[in-house]
Amino acid sequence: MNVIEVETLPPRSSEPLVLAIGKFDGVHIGHQAILSHARDRLQPGWEFGVMCFWPHPMWVLAHKAGYDRWLTPFPEKVRLLTAFGVQRMYHVHFSQAYASTTAEQFVHEHLANLSLRHVVVGFDFRFGKGGKADVEDLRRMCADIGVPVTVVHPVEENGQKVSSSQIREHLGEGRVEAAEALLGRPYSFVGTVIPGDKLGRKIGFPTANLGDLDEYVLPGGGVYAVAVEILNQPEGAPRGNWFGVMNAGFRPTVGGTTFRVEVHLLGFDGDLYGKRLRVSLLRRVRSEKKFQNVEELTNQIRQDVLYAQSMLGLNKRD
């Protein structure tokens, strides 16, 4: 994918382009509907592009709690959009200055700089200073520059519009199956294995302590059954795929004060330090709890592992 960083105006382009516009945080099933409509309008020789915005406008304009983190930070968004067939991304730096762009400027200066053949947006797309312009304004203004606009109806699940804020709420409450239904895939994040306090190893359940998660929306505290992919294997070696049990939380039994994510890979025996792991959330096992002592915690972890193995079908015999 060709990623074009945009601070003010996007650079002038002559390649015919179908453009989907939005934040695309999560690339959930609602976003996928927008992308599918855009892809369906491609003709030979045209490129498939998206325009998305960072940091999150909710963070820049209102410092809304949690919106300094993403469901899909930039590398994950690129990965998912590339898999969907997107060839070009206009990655717009959303700042207070950019937020002052009027609707007319956005269309007649920013979009007009591109050789657009079609624009596709969601039904609730708003743009221009103060978000005052809506999809009907977009249609009218794009007609001035000869570009048709398709507005995609909302995708609903259980009578509610699928949204990134819904997914964030589900994850915060540990409802990972509900988040998966709205994403169209298990929610995942990528972190680097860093040194921890090695308590898991001492009690017989070694864990990979994950760092580099500051940009991700993380699930609410608790124990989860997960799938783990080891990404940076030696050249030529297959990527390792494992099931695991993950603890996310403050570790109150041992006096923890910071939120940590630690993963025990079922059946794995090896060195993971420095490895990059993609962790996909499958099911919540239980909420975080403070135990009376480490022995009681160890007994509970043993039960968590047995439950996860049963749920994942790992204790079956042929």
C-alpha atoms as a PDB file:
ATOM      1  CA  MET A   1       0.000   0.000   0.000  1.00  0.00           C
ATOM      2  CA  ASN A   2       1.179   3.506  -0.819  1.00  0.00           C
ATOM      3  CA  VAL A   3       0.807   5.583   2.370  1.00  0.00           C
ATOM      4  CA  ILE A   4       0.719   9.349   1.835  1.00  0.00           C
ATOM      5  CA  GLU A   5       1.136  11.464   4.961  1.00  0.00           C
ATOM      6  CA  VAL A   6      -0.983  14.616   4.841  1.00  0.00           C
ATOM      7  CA  GLU A   7      -0.465  17.668   7.051  1.00  0.00           C
ATOM      8  CA  THR A   8      -2.557  20.188   5.101  1.00  0.00           C
ATOM      9  CA  LEU A   9      -3.444  19.624   1.449  1.00  0.00           C
ATOM     10  CA  PRO A  10      -2.993  16.169  -0.077  1.00  0.00           C
ATOM     11  CA  PRO A  11      -0.495  16.262  -2.950  1.00  0.00           C
ATOM     12  CA  ARG A  12      -1.975  16.637  -6.424  1.00  0.00           C
ATOM     13  CA  SER A  13      -2.534  13.311  -8.150  1.00  0.00           C
ATOM     14  CA  SER A  14      -3.537  12.313 -11.664  1.00  0.00           C
ATOM     15  CA  GLU A  15      -4.214   8.592 -11.125  1.00  0.00           C
ATOM     16  CA  PRO A  16      -7.977   7.803 -11.248  1.00  0.00           C
ATOM     17  CA  LEU A  17      -9.121   6.995  -7.726  1.00  0.00           C
ATOM     18  CA  VAL A  18     -12.134   5.634  -5.875  1.00  0.00           C
ATOM     19  CA  LEU A  19     -11.870   7.024  -2.332  1.00  0.00           C
ATOM     20  CA  ALA A  20     -13.486   5.810   0.896  1.00  0.00           C
ATOM     21  CA  ILE A  21     -13.333   8.413   3.690  1.00  0.00           C
ATOM     22  CA  GLY A  22     -13.562   7.800   7.443  1.00  0.00           C
ATOM     23  CA  LYS A  23     -11.622   7.098  10.628  1.00  0.00           C
ATOM     24  CA  PHE A  24     -11.754   3.312  10.090  1.00  0.00           C
ATOM     25  CA  ASP A  25     -10.773   2.631  13.698  1.00  0.00           C
ATOM     26  CA  GLY A  26     -11.255  -1.111  14.054  1.00  0.00           C
ATOM     27  CA  VAL A  27     -12.007  -1.759  10.368  1.00  0.00           C
ATOM     28  CA  HIS A  28     -15.196  -3.359  11.725  1.00  0.00           C
ATOM     29  CA  ILE A  29     -18.087  -4.810   9.698  1.00  0.00           C
ATOM     30  CA  GLY A  30     -19.594  -1.340   9.221  1.00  0.00           C
ATOM     31  CA  HIS A  31     -16.305  -0.063   7.813  1.00  0.00           C
ATOM     32  CA  GLN A  32     -16.024  -3.195   5.697  1.00  0.00           C
ATOM     33  CA  ALA A  33     -19.385  -2.374   4.095  1.00  0.00           C
ATOM     34  CA  ILE A  34     -18.040   1.064   3.106  1.00  0.00           C
ATOM     35  CA  LEU A  35     -14.859  -0.494   1.733  1.00  0.00           C
ATOM     36  CA  SER A  36     -16.844  -3.115  -0.215  1.00  0.00           C
ATOM     37  CA  HIS A  37     -18.993  -0.426  -1.868  1.00  0.00           C
ATOM     38  CA  ALA A  38     -15.843   1.478  -2.834  1.00  0.00           C
ATOM     39  CA  ARG A  39     -14.152  -1.622  -4.220  1.00  0.00           C
ATOM     40  CA  ASP A  40     -17.256  -2.501  -6.246  1.00  0.00           C
ATOM     41  CA  ARG A  41     -16.996   0.839  -8.078  1.00  0.00           C
ATOM     42  CA  LEU A  42     -13.484   0.249  -9.355  1.00  0.00           C
ATOM     43  CA  GLN A  43     -12.888   0.093 -13.091  1.00  0.00           C
ATOM     44  CA  PRO A  44      -9.742  -1.081 -14.916  1.00  0.00           C
ATOM     45  CA  GLY A  45      -6.899   1.341 -14.330  1.00  0.00           C
ATOM     46  CA  TRP A  46      -8.464   2.942 -11.244  1.00  0.00           C
ATOM     47  CA  GLU A  47      -6.917   2.769  -7.784  1.00  0.00           C
ATOM     48  CA  PHE A  48      -8.675   1.928  -4.533  1.00  0.00           C
ATOM     49  CA  GLY A  49      -7.893   4.474  -1.815  1.00  0.00           C
ATOM     50  CA  VAL A  50      -8.903   5.522   1.667  1.00  0.00           C
ATOM     51  CA  MET A  51      -8.585   8.780   3.560  1.00  0.00           C
ATOM     52  CA  CYS A  52      -8.375   8.394   7.336  1.00  0.00           C
ATOM     53  CA  PHE A  53      -7.460  10.654  10.218  1.00  0.00           C
ATOM     54  CA  TRP A  54      -5.079  10.519  13.191  1.00  0.00           C
ATOM     55  CA  PRO A  55      -4.901  11.232  16.085  1.00  0.00           C
ATOM     56  CA  HIS A  56      -8.542  10.433  16.773  1.00  0.00           C
ATOM     57  CA  PRO A  57     -10.666  13.607  16.344  1.00  0.00           C
ATOM     58  CA  MET A  58     -12.404  12.811  19.653  1.00  0.00           C
ATOM     59  CA  TRP A  59      -9.010  13.090  21.356  1.00  0.00           C
ATOM     60  CA  VAL A  60      -7.810  16.200  19.530  1.00  0.00           C
ATOM     61  CA  LEU A  61     -11.033  18.172  19.956  1.00  0.00           C
ATOM     62  CA  ALA A  62     -12.308  16.983  23.336  1.00  0.00           C
ATOM     63  CA  HIS A  63      -9.556  14.882  24.950  1.00  0.00           C
ATOM     64  CA  LYS A  64     -12.241  12.224  25.438  1.00  0.00           C
ATOM     65  CA  ALA A  65     -10.954   9.526  27.780  1.00  0.00           C
ATOM     66  CA  GLY A  66      -9.576   6.469  26.019  1.00  0.00           C
ATOM     67  CA  TYR A  67      -9.375   8.020  22.556  1.00  0.00           C
ATOM     68  CA  ASP A  68      -5.613   8.386  22.756  1.00  0.00           C
ATOM     69  CA  ARG A  69      -5.685   4.619  22.121  1.00  0.00           C
ATOM     70  CA  TRP A  70      -6.875   2.789  19.021  1.00  0.00           C
ATOM     71  CA  LEU A  71      -8.598  -0.474  18.162  1.00  0.00           C
ATOM     72  CA  THR A  72      -6.280  -0.528  15.163  1.00  0.00           C
ATOM     73  CA  PRO A  73      -3.113   1.557  15.554  1.00  0.00           C
ATOM     74  CA  PHE A  74      -1.494   2.581  12.289  1.00  0.00           C
ATOM     75  CA  PRO A  75       0.440  -0.658  11.477  1.00  0.00           C
ATOM     76  CA  GLU A  76      -2.643  -2.807  12.157  1.00  0.00           C
ATOM     77  CA  LYS A  77      -4.868  -0.524  10.096  1.00  0.00           C
ATOM     78  CA  VAL A  78      -2.433  -0.734   7.184  1.00  0.00           C
ATOM     79  CA  ARG A  79      -2.344  -4.529   7.482  1.00  0.00           C
ATOM     80  CA  LEU A  80      -6.132  -4.891   7.505  1.00  0.00           C
ATOM     81  CA  LEU A  81      -6.787  -2.361   4.736  1.00  0.00           C
ATOM     82  CA  THR A  82      -4.092  -3.911   2.550  1.00  0.00           C
ATOM     83  CA  ALA A  83      -5.747  -7.309   2.987  1.00  0.00           C
ATOM     84  CA  PHE A  84      -9.001  -5.680   1.843  1.00  0.00           C
ATOM     85  CA  GLY A  85      -7.325  -4.548  -1.378  1.00  0.00           C
ATOM     86  CA  VAL A  86      -6.702  -0.883  -0.575  1.00  0.00           C
ATOM     87  CA  GLN A  87      -3.823   0.455  -2.677  1.00  0.00           C
ATOM     88  CA  ARG A  88      -3.445   4.016  -1.411  1.00  0.00           C
ATOM     89  CA  MET A  89      -3.962   5.651   2.002  1.00  0.00           C
ATOM     90  CA  TYR A  90      -4.134   9.364   2.671  1.00  0.00           C
ATOM     91  CA  HIS A  91      -3.115   9.432   6.335  1.00  0.00           C
ATOM     92  CA  VAL A  92      -4.288  12.851   7.490  1.00  0.00           C
ATOM     93  CA  HIS A  93      -2.734  14.392  10.593  1.00  0.00           C
ATOM     94  CA  PHE A  94      -5.815  15.706  12.394  1.00  0.00           C
ATOM     95  CA  SER A  95      -4.832  18.783  14.388  1.00  0.00           C
ATOM     96  CA  GLN A  96      -6.614  21.840  15.751  1.00  0.00           C
ATOM     97  CA  ALA A  97      -5.456  23.651  12.602  1.00  0.00           C
ATOM     98  CA  TYR A  98      -6.811  20.933  10.322  1.00  0.00           C
ATOM     99  CA  ALA A  99     -10.093  20.952  12.265  1.00  0.00           C
ATOM    100  CA  SER A 100     -10.612  24.570  11.163  1.00  0.00           C
ATOM    101  CA  THR A 101     -10.817  23.483   7.503  1.00  0.00           C
ATOM    102  CA  THR A 102     -14.228  24.475   6.156  1.00  0.00           C
ATOM    103  CA  ALA A 103     -16.430  22.017   4.300  1.00  0.00           C
ATOM    104  CA  GLU A 104     -15.946  23.997   1.085  1.00  0.00           C
ATOM    105  CA  GLN A 105     -12.157  23.917   1.465  1.00  0.00           C
ATOM    106  CA  PHE A 106     -12.208  20.172   2.158  1.00  0.00           C
ATOM    107  CA  VAL A 107     -14.051  19.459  -1.087  1.00  0.00           C
ATOM    108  CA  HIS A 108     -12.929  22.235  -3.448  1.00  0.00           C
ATOM    109  CA  GLU A 109      -9.276  22.258  -2.377  1.00  0.00           C
ATOM    110  CA  HIS A 110      -8.431  18.946  -0.681  1.00  0.00           C
ATOM    111  CA  LEU A 111     -10.552  16.446  -2.635  1.00  0.00           C
ATOM    112  CA  ALA A 112     -10.282  18.430  -5.857  1.00  0.00           C
ATOM    113  CA  ASN A 113      -6.500  17.882  -5.724  1.00  0.00           C
ATOM    114  CA  LEU A 114      -7.125  14.182  -6.386  1.00  0.00           C
ATOM    115  CA  SER A 115      -8.271  12.606  -9.616  1.00  0.00           C
ATOM    116  CA  LEU A 116     -11.421  11.225  -8.033  1.00  0.00           C
ATOM    117  CA  ARG A 117     -13.863   9.013  -9.875  1.00  0.00           C
ATOM    118  CA  HIS A 118     -16.066   8.203  -6.892  1.00  0.00           C
ATOM    119  CA  VAL A 119     -16.280   8.969  -3.160  1.00  0.00           C
ATOM    120  CA  VAL A 120     -17.818   6.544  -0.644  1.00  0.00           C
ATOM    121  CA  VAL A 121     -18.717   7.434   2.957  1.00  0.00           C
ATOM    122  CA  GLY A 122     -20.904   6.161   5.773  1.00  0.00           C
ATOM    123  CA  PHE A 123     -24.365   7.605   6.365  1.00  0.00           C
ATOM    124  CA  ASP A 124     -23.228   9.571   9.443  1.00  0.00           C
ATOM    125  CA  PHE A 125     -20.119  11.117   7.876  1.00  0.00           C
ATOM    126  CA  ARG A 126     -19.641  14.745   8.883  1.00  0.00           C
ATOM    127  CA  PHE A 127     -16.915  17.127   7.807  1.00  0.00           C
ATOM    128  CA  GLY A 128     -15.747  20.699   7.836  1.00  0.00           C
ATOM    129  CA  LYS A 129     -15.202  23.047  10.748  1.00  0.00           C
ATOM    130  CA  GLY A 130     -17.345  21.990  13.703  1.00  0.00           C
ATOM    131  CA  GLY A 131     -18.583  18.942  11.767  1.00  0.00           C
ATOM    132  CA  LYS A 132     -21.394  21.110  10.407  1.00  0.00           C
ATOM    133  CA  ALA A 133     -21.568  19.527   6.945  1.00  0.00           C
ATOM    134  CA  ASP A 134     -23.284  16.169   6.343  1.00  0.00           C
ATOM    135  CA  VAL A 135     -23.527  13.650   3.505  1.00  0.00           C
ATOM    136  CA  GLU A 136     -26.054  15.735   1.550  1.00  0.00           C
ATOM    137  CA  ASP A 137     -23.634  18.671   1.671  1.00  0.00           C
ATOM    138  CA  LEU A 138     -20.901  16.310   0.480  1.00  0.00           C
ATOM    139  CA  ARG A 139     -23.037  15.158  -2.447  1.00  0.00           C
ATOM    140  CA  ARG A 140     -23.821  18.743  -3.435  1.00  0.00           C
ATOM    141  CA  MET A 141     -20.244  19.991  -3.161  1.00  0.00           C
ATOM    142  CA  CYS A 142     -18.740  16.961  -4.908  1.00  0.00           C
ATOM    143  CA  ALA A 143     -21.189  17.498  -7.772  1.00  0.00           C
ATOM    144  CA  ASP A 144     -19.441  20.861  -8.263  1.00  0.00           C
ATOM    145  CA  ILE A 145     -16.188  19.024  -9.032  1.00  0.00           C
ATOM    146  CA  GLY A 146     -17.901  16.269 -11.037  1.00  0.00           C
ATOM    147  CA  VAL A 147     -17.509  13.455  -8.519  1.00  0.00           C
ATOM    148  CA  PRO A 148     -20.408  11.128  -7.585  1.00  0.00           C
ATOM    149  CA  VAL A 149     -20.859  10.158  -3.923  1.00  0.00           C
ATOM    150  CA  THR A 150     -22.208   6.891  -2.523  1.00  0.00           C
ATOM    151  CA  VAL A 151     -23.554   6.974   1.020  1.00  0.00           C
ATOM    152  CA  VAL A 152     -23.573   3.553   2.716  1.00  0.00           C
ATOM    153  CA  HIS A 153     -26.434   2.687   5.048  1.00  0.00           C
ATOM    154  CA  PRO A 154     -25.567   1.616   8.612  1.00  0.00           C
ATOM    155  CA  VAL A 155     -24.747  -1.995   9.369  1.00  0.00           C
ATOM    156  CA  GLU A 156     -26.774  -3.087  12.386  1.00  0.00           C
ATOM    157  CA  GLU A 157     -26.309  -5.864  14.881  1.00  0.00           C
ATOM    158  CA  ASN A 158     -29.232  -6.663  17.208  1.00  0.00           C
ATOM    159  CA  GLY A 159     -30.968  -3.465  16.089  1.00  0.00           C
ATOM    160  CA  GLN A 160     -28.022  -1.177  16.872  1.00  0.00           C
ATOM    161  CA  LYS A 161     -25.601   0.543  14.506  1.00  0.00           C
ATOM    162  CA  VAL A 162     -22.183  -1.090  14.577  1.00  0.00           C
ATOM    163  CA  SER A 163     -19.651   1.436  15.845  1.00  0.00           C
ATOM    164  CA  SER A 164     -16.113   1.628  17.174  1.00  0.00           C
ATOM    165  CA  SER A 165     -17.416   3.083  20.446  1.00  0.00           C
ATOM    166  CA  GLN A 166     -19.596  -0.029  20.919  1.00  0.00           C
ATOM    167  CA  ILE A 167     -16.576  -2.264  20.407  1.00  0.00           C
ATOM    168  CA  ARG A 168     -14.529  -0.223  22.875  1.00  0.00           C
ATOM    169  CA  GLU A 169     -17.293  -0.629  25.443  1.00  0.00           C
ATOM    170  CA  HIS A 170     -17.528  -4.388  24.889  1.00  0.00           C
ATOM    171  CA  LEU A 171     -13.779  -4.787  25.319  1.00  0.00           C
ATOM    172  CA  GLY A 172     -13.744  -2.672  28.468  1.00  0.00           C
ATOM    173  CA  GLU A 173     -16.362  -4.988  29.982  1.00  0.00           C
ATOM    174  CA  GLY A 174     -14.584  -8.144  28.789  1.00  0.00           C
ATOM    175  CA  ARG A 175     -17.295  -9.036  26.250  1.00  0.00           C
ATOM    176  CA  VAL A 176     -14.794 -10.257  23.681  1.00  0.00           C
ATOM    177  CA  GLU A 177     -17.294 -12.439  21.782  1.00  0.00           C
ATOM    178  CA  ALA A 178     -19.534  -9.405  21.249  1.00  0.00           C
ATOM    179  CA  ALA A 179     -16.538  -7.373  20.064  1.00  0.00           C
ATOM    180  CA  GLU A 180     -15.644 -10.197  17.665  1.00  0.00           C
ATOM    181  CA  ALA A 181     -19.149 -10.189  16.189  1.00  0.00           C
ATOM    182  CA  LEU A 182     -18.886  -6.475  15.382  1.00  0.00           C
ATOM    183  CA  LEU A 183     -15.319  -6.675  14.101  1.00  0.00           C
ATOM    184  CA  GLY A 184     -15.867  -9.770  11.981  1.00  0.00           C
ATOM    185  CA  ARG A 185     -12.750 -11.285  13.580  1.00  0.00           C
ATOM    186  CA  PRO A 186     -11.340 -11.722  17.095  1.00  0.00           C
ATOM    187  CA  TYR A 187      -9.929  -8.533  18.555  1.00  0.00           C
ATOM    188  CA  SER A 188      -6.145  -8.656  18.551  1.00  0.00           C
ATOM    189  CA  PHE A 189      -3.122  -6.587  19.513  1.00  0.00           C
ATOM    190  CA  VAL A 190       0.625  -6.895  18.959  1.00  0.00           C
ATOM    191  CA  GLY A 191       3.199  -6.482  21.720  1.00  0.00           C
ATOM    192  CA  THR A 192       6.849  -7.217  22.443  1.00  0.00           C
ATOM    193  CA  VAL A 193       7.862  -9.706  25.142  1.00  0.00           C
ATOM    194  CA  ILE A 194       9.788  -7.855  27.851  1.00  0.00           C
ATOM    195  CA  PRO A 195      11.270  -8.978  31.195  1.00  0.00           C
ATOM    196  CA  GLY A 196       8.799  -9.324  34.071  1.00  0.00           C
ATOM    197  CA  ASP A 197       9.071 -10.424  37.692  1.00  0.00           C
ATOM    198  CA  LYS A 198       9.174 -14.135  36.688  1.00  0.00           C
ATOM    199  CA  LEU A 199       6.469 -15.067  39.222  1.00  0.00           C
ATOM    200  CA  GLY A 200       4.679 -17.214  36.643  1.00  0.00           C
ATOM    201  CA  ARG A 201       7.784 -19.297  36.076  1.00  0.00           C
ATOM    202  CA  LYS A 202       8.219 -19.793  39.829  1.00  0.00           C
ATOM    203  CA  ILE A 203       4.693 -21.194  40.226  1.00  0.00           C
ATOM    204  CA  GLY A 204       4.841 -23.412  37.122  1.00  0.00           C
ATOM    205  CA  PHE A 205       3.031 -21.187  34.610  1.00  0.00           C
ATOM    206  CA  PRO A 206       5.638 -19.083  32.773  1.00  0.00           C
ATOM    207  CA  THR A 207       4.174 -16.026  31.093  1.00  0.00           C
ATOM    208  CA  ALA A 208       5.236 -13.633  28.368  1.00  0.00           C
ATOM    209  CA  ASN A 209       4.972 -10.087  29.711  1.00  0.00           C
ATOM    210  CA  LEU A 210       3.934  -7.798  26.840  1.00  0.00           C
ATOM    211  CA  GLY A 211       5.128  -4.237  26.269  1.00  0.00           C
ATOM    212  CA  ASP A 212       4.595  -1.730  23.427  1.00  0.00           C
ATOM    213  CA  LEU A 213       0.825  -1.720  23.963  1.00  0.00           C
ATOM    214  CA  ASP A 214       0.377   1.992  24.697  1.00  0.00           C
ATOM    215  CA  GLU A 215      -1.509   2.694  21.455  1.00  0.00           C
ATOM    216  CA  TYR A 216      -4.014  -0.148  21.820  1.00  0.00           C
ATOM    217  CA  VAL A 217      -7.424  -0.277  23.439  1.00  0.00           C
ATOM    218  CA  LEU A 218      -6.955  -3.083  25.970  1.00  0.00           C
ATOM    219  CA  PRO A 219      -9.614  -5.392  27.430  1.00  0.00           C
ATOM    220  CA  GLY A 220     -10.983  -5.018  30.946  1.00  0.00           C
ATOM    221  CA  GLY A 221      -9.085  -6.770  33.716  1.00  0.00           C
ATOM    222  CA  GLY A 222      -9.470 -10.523  33.792  1.00  0.00           C
ATOM    223  CA  VAL A 223      -8.330 -13.875  32.448  1.00  0.00           C
ATOM    224  CA  TYR A 224      -8.898 -14.741  28.796  1.00  0.00           C
ATOM    225  CA  ALA A 225      -8.468 -17.695  26.468  1.00  0.00           C
ATOM    226  CA  VAL A 226      -6.430 -16.429  23.519  1.00  0.00           C
ATOM    227  CA  ALA A 227      -4.719 -17.418  20.292  1.00  0.00           C
ATOM    228  CA  VAL A 228      -1.097 -16.286  19.936  1.00  0.00           C
ATOM    229  CA  GLU A 229       1.017 -15.846  16.822  1.00  0.00           C
ATOM    230  CA  ILE A 230       4.790 -15.398  17.144  1.00  0.00           C
ATOM    231  CA  LEU A 231       5.589 -12.892  14.404  1.00  0.00           C
ATOM    232  CA  ASN A 232       9.347 -12.342  14.213  1.00  0.00           C
ATOM    233  CA  GLN A 233      10.619 -15.872  13.757  1.00  0.00           C
ATOM    234  CA  PRO A 234      14.036 -16.442  12.131  1.00  0.00           C
ATOM    235  CA  GLU A 235      14.055 -16.069   8.346  1.00  0.00           C
ATOM    236  CA  GLY A 236      12.585 -19.138   6.673  1.00  0.00           C
ATOM    237  CA  ALA A 237      11.000 -20.475   9.858  1.00  0.00           C
ATOM    238  CA  PRO A 238       7.206 -20.753  10.092  1.00  0.00           C
ATOM    239  CA  ARG A 239       5.350 -18.383  12.363  1.00  0.00           C
ATOM    240  CA  GLY A 240       4.474 -20.094  15.610  1.00  0.00           C
ATOM    241  CA  ASN A 241       0.780 -20.383  16.451  1.00  0.00           C
ATOM    242  CA  TRP A 242      -0.349 -21.319  19.944  1.00  0.00           C
ATOM    243  CA  PHE A 243      -3.372 -21.191  22.181  1.00  0.00           C
ATOM    244  CA  GLY A 244      -2.859 -19.512  25.513  1.00  0.00           C
ATOM    245  CA  VAL A 245      -4.279 -18.069  28.711  1.00  0.00           C
ATOM    246  CA  MET A 246      -3.854 -14.336  29.219  1.00  0.00           C
ATOM    247  CA  ASN A 247      -4.100 -12.257  32.366  1.00  0.00           C
ATOM    248  CA  ALA A 248      -4.784  -8.554  31.963  1.00  0.00           C
ATOM    249  CA  GLY A 249      -4.855  -6.396  35.054  1.00  0.00           C
ATOM    250  CA  PHE A 250      -3.084  -5.037  38.117  1.00  0.00           C
ATOM    251  CA  ARG A 251      -2.200  -8.396  39.796  1.00  0.00           C
ATOM    252  CA  PRO A 252      -3.696  -7.406  43.195  1.00  0.00           C
ATOM    253  CA  THR A 253      -2.632 -10.651  44.913  1.00  0.00           C
ATOM    254  CA  VAL A 254       1.044  -9.697  44.582  1.00  0.00           C
ATOM    255  CA  GLY A 255       0.559  -5.965  45.159  1.00  0.00           C
ATOM    256  CA  GLY A 256       0.765  -4.891  41.516  1.00  0.00           C
ATOM    257  CA  THR A 257       0.221  -1.200  40.782  1.00  0.00           C
ATOM    258  CA  THR A 258       0.374  -1.068  36.976  1.00  0.00           C
ATOM    259  CA  PHE A 259      -1.853  -2.670  34.354  1.00  0.00           C
ATOM    260  CA  ARG A 260      -0.034  -5.592  32.747  1.00  0.00           C
ATOM    261  CA  VAL A 261      -0.773  -8.073  29.995  1.00  0.00           C
ATOM    262  CA  GLU A 262       0.825 -11.500  30.481  1.00  0.00           C
ATOM    263  CA  VAL A 263       0.277 -14.601  28.349  1.00  0.00           C
ATOM    264  CA  HIS A 264       0.936 -18.253  29.153  1.00  0.00           C
ATOM    265  CA  LEU A 265       1.298 -20.265  25.921  1.00  0.00           C
ATOM    266  CA  LEU A 266      -0.200 -23.729  26.363  1.00  0.00           C
ATOM    267  CA  GLY A 267       2.400 -26.411  25.659  1.00  0.00           C
ATOM    268  CA  PHE A 268       5.130 -23.947  24.657  1.00  0.00           C
ATOM    269  CA  ASP A 269       8.708 -24.383  25.882  1.00  0.00           C
ATOM    270  CA  GLY A 270      11.211 -21.812  24.700  1.00  0.00           C
ATOM    271  CA  ASP A 271      12.590 -18.290  24.949  1.00  0.00           C
ATOM    272  CA  LEU A 272      10.207 -15.518  23.917  1.00  0.00           C
ATOM    273  CA  TYR A 273      12.136 -12.428  25.058  1.00  0.00           C
ATOM    274  CA  GLY A 274      12.160  -9.821  22.301  1.00  0.00           C
ATOM    275  CA  LYS A 275       9.570 -11.682  20.251  1.00  0.00           C
ATOM    276  CA  ARG A 276       6.592  -9.881  18.780  1.00  0.00           C
ATOM    277  CA  LEU A 277       3.305 -11.618  19.610  1.00  0.00           C
ATOM    278  CA  ARG A 278      -0.110 -11.071  18.058  1.00  0.00           C
ATOM    279  CA  VAL A 279      -2.669 -11.978  20.718  1.00  0.00           C
ATOM    280  CA  SER A 280      -6.283 -12.612  19.655  1.00  0.00           C
ATOM    281  CA  LEU A 281      -8.984 -12.646  22.343  1.00  0.00           C
ATOM    282  CA  LEU A 282     -11.270 -15.689  22.142  1.00  0.00           C
ATOM    283  CA  ARG A 283     -13.225 -15.827  25.408  1.00  0.00           C
ATOM    284  CA  ARG A 284     -13.173 -14.347  28.885  1.00  0.00           C
ATOM    285  CA  VAL A 285     -12.524 -16.999  31.540  1.00  0.00           C
ATOM    286  CA  ARG A 286     -13.129 -14.870  34.643  1.00  0.00           C
ATOM    287  CA  SER A 287     -12.754 -11.395  36.089  1.00  0.00           C
ATOM    288  CA  GLU A 288      -9.651 -10.254  37.983  1.00  0.00           C
ATOM    289  CA  LYS A 289      -9.672 -11.191  41.656  1.00  0.00           C
ATOM    290  CA  LYS A 290      -7.456 -10.716  44.711  1.00  0.00           C
ATOM    291  CA  PHE A 291      -6.547 -14.026  46.368  1.00  0.00           C
ATOM    292  CA  GLN A 292      -5.426 -14.579  49.945  1.00  0.00           C
ATOM    293  CA  ASN A 293      -1.977 -15.802  48.957  1.00  0.00           C
ATOM    294  CA  VAL A 294       0.126 -17.032  46.028  1.00  0.00           C
ATOM    295  CA  GLU A 295      -0.828 -20.669  46.693  1.00  0.00           C
ATOM    296  CA  GLU A 296      -4.514 -19.851  46.268  1.00  0.00           C
ATOM    297  CA  LEU A 297      -3.673 -17.882  43.126  1.00  0.00           C
ATOM    298  CA  THR A 298      -1.699 -20.840  41.750  1.00  0.00           C
ATOM    299  CA  ASN A 299      -4.623 -23.195  42.313  1.00  0.00           C
ATOM    300  CA  GLN A 300      -6.926 -20.805  40.475  1.00  0.00           C
ATOM    301  CA  ILE A 301      -4.506 -20.461  37.555  1.00  0.00           C
ATOM    302  CA  ARG A 302      -4.452 -24.253  37.310  1.00  0.00           C
ATOM    303  CA  GLN A 303      -8.243 -24.218  37.058  1.00  0.00           C
ATOM    304  CA  ASP A 304      -8.128 -21.402  34.480  1.00  0.00           C
ATOM    305  CA  VAL A 305      -5.745 -23.418  32.307  1.00  0.00           C
ATOM    306  CA  LEU A 306      -7.901 -26.553  32.544  1.00  0.00           C
ATOM    307  CA  TYR A 307     -10.997 -24.553  31.621  1.00  0.00           C
ATOM    308  CA  ALA A 308      -9.258 -22.925  28.648  1.00  0.00           C
ATOM    309  CA  GLN A 309      -7.933 -26.271  27.448  1.00  0.00           C
ATOM    310  CA  SER A 310     -11.427 -27.752  27.660  1.00  0.00           C
ATOM    311  CA  MET A 311     -12.973 -24.789  25.841  1.00  0.00           C
ATOM    312  CA  LEU A 312     -10.319 -24.976  23.103  1.00  0.00           C
ATOM    313  CA  GLY A 313     -10.605 -28.765  22.750  1.00  0.00           C
ATOM    314  CA  LEU A 314      -7.027 -29.380  23.834  1.00  0.00           C
ATOM    315  CA  ASN A 315      -7.841 -32.096  26.383  1.00  0.00           C
ATOM    316  CA  LYS A 316      -9.566 -34.438  23.934  1.00  0.00           C
ATOM    317  CA  ARG A 317      -8.182 -37.895  23.231  1.00  0.00           C
ATOM    318  CA  ASP A 318      -8.452 -39.600  19.838  1.00  0.00           C
END
